Amino acid sequence: VFSKQDFINNPKLQDQVYAWHVQDIREAIIKSGVYDKIGTTIKGIPVTMNGLIAVAHLGGKQGMMDFINSNGKLDEQDKNGTKMSTYLRRFSS
């Protein structure tokens, strides 16, 4: 348990939270069956573990699963207009 100020002032804590966040997403990818989509393409974009993690970071785990399971038809975007497919493309390597 930590405060927002503790988080802001502690780069090591930020790294620990980020590592937990990525691991939590990775486990969700494996457990949900979305892992089986790695190596395929959606909207012409290669599906990779890094790409899936980025999509989940943008749209949440359920949003990532909806995006993948809809073959990219449910392509939500953040408040800046960045779509999940953009994150998949950007982080697919």
Protein backbone atom coordinates (compact mmCIF):
# COMPACT_ATOMS: atom_id res chain seq x y z
CA VAL A 1 0.00 0.00 0.00
CA PHE A 2 1.37 3.39 -0.97
CA SER A 3 0.15 6.89 -1.67
CA LYS A 4 0.13 8.63 -5.03
CA GLN A 5 2.94 10.87 -3.77
CA ASP A 6 4.98 7.83 -2.68
CA PHE A 7 4.57 6.44 -6.20
CA ILE A 8 5.55 9.71 -7.89
CA ASN A 9 8.64 10.11 -5.75
CA ASN A 10 9.93 6.55 -6.02
CA PRO A 11 11.24 5.37 -9.43
CA LYS A 12 12.00 1.92 -8.01
CA LEU A 13 8.37 1.57 -6.89
CA GLN A 14 7.24 2.72 -10.34
CA ASP A 15 9.36 -0.03 -11.93
CA GLN A 16 7.93 -2.62 -9.53
CA VAL A 17 4.35 -1.59 -10.31
CA TYR A 18 5.07 -1.64 -14.04
CA ALA A 19 6.59 -5.14 -13.80
CA TRP A 20 3.53 -6.33 -11.85
CA HIS A 21 1.20 -4.70 -14.41
CA VAL A 22 2.91 -6.39 -17.37
CA GLN A 23 2.98 -9.77 -15.62
CA ASP A 24 -0.72 -9.46 -14.75
CA ILE A 25 -1.55 -8.76 -18.40
CA ARG A 26 0.72 -11.59 -19.61
CA GLU A 27 -1.06 -14.07 -17.30
CA ALA A 28 -4.45 -12.87 -18.55
CA ILE A 29 -3.33 -13.37 -22.16
CA ILE A 30 -2.25 -16.93 -21.44
CA LYS A 31 -5.32 -17.85 -19.37
CA SER A 32 -7.84 -16.30 -21.77
CA GLY A 33 -6.77 -18.25 -24.82
CA VAL A 34 -5.81 -15.06 -26.65
CA TYR A 35 -2.26 -16.45 -26.49
CA ASP A 36 -3.24 -18.78 -29.34
CA LYS A 37 -3.63 -15.73 -31.62
CA ILE A 38 0.10 -14.93 -31.42
CA GLY A 39 1.60 -15.50 -34.84
CA THR A 40 -1.59 -14.55 -36.68
CA THR A 41 -2.48 -11.14 -38.07
CA ILE A 42 -5.31 -8.71 -37.38
CA LYS A 43 -5.92 -5.90 -39.84
CA GLY A 44 -2.66 -6.95 -41.46
CA ILE A 45 -0.76 -6.45 -38.20
CA PRO A 46 1.25 -9.31 -36.64
CA VAL A 47 -0.09 -10.37 -33.25
CA THR A 48 2.76 -10.65 -30.74
CA MET A 49 2.96 -10.87 -26.96
CA ASN A 50 4.38 -7.34 -26.79
CA GLY A 51 1.59 -6.06 -29.01
CA LEU A 52 -1.08 -7.73 -26.87
CA ILE A 53 0.42 -6.27 -23.70
CA ALA A 54 0.35 -2.80 -25.27
CA VAL A 55 -3.27 -3.23 -26.40
CA ALA A 56 -4.28 -4.34 -22.89
CA HIS A 57 -2.41 -1.39 -21.39
CA LEU A 58 -4.48 0.93 -23.59
CA GLY A 59 -7.86 -0.81 -23.42
CA GLY A 60 -7.72 -3.05 -20.39
CA LYS A 61 -7.55 -6.83 -20.39
CA GLN A 62 -11.18 -7.27 -21.43
CA GLY A 63 -10.84 -4.62 -24.14
CA MET A 64 -7.79 -6.44 -25.51
CA MET A 65 -9.67 -9.74 -25.51
CA ASP A 66 -12.67 -8.13 -27.25
CA PHE A 67 -10.38 -6.56 -29.86
CA ILE A 68 -8.61 -9.85 -30.59
CA ASN A 69 -11.73 -12.05 -30.49
CA SER A 70 -13.57 -9.66 -32.84
CA ASN A 71 -10.63 -9.84 -35.25
CA GLY A 72 -10.11 -6.10 -34.77
CA LYS A 73 -13.69 -5.01 -35.35
CA LEU A 74 -13.98 -3.72 -31.77
CA ASP A 75 -11.09 -1.27 -32.12
CA GLU A 76 -11.61 1.13 -29.21
CA GLN A 77 -9.54 4.26 -28.81
CA ASP A 78 -8.24 6.35 -25.93
CA LYS A 79 -9.15 9.98 -25.29
CA ASN A 80 -6.39 11.05 -27.70
CA GLY A 81 -7.89 8.98 -30.51
CA THR A 82 -5.22 6.27 -30.46
CA LYS A 83 -6.80 2.96 -31.46
CA MET A 84 -5.93 -0.47 -30.14
CA SER A 85 -4.82 -1.45 -33.64
CA THR A 86 -2.31 1.42 -33.56
CA TYR A 87 -0.84 0.06 -30.32
CA LEU A 88 -0.73 -3.45 -31.75
CA ARG A 89 1.17 -2.14 -34.79
CA ARG A 90 3.49 0.08 -32.75
CA PHE A 91 4.48 -2.61 -30.27
CA SER A 92 4.24 -5.77 -32.37
CA SER A 93 8.00 -6.18 -32.68
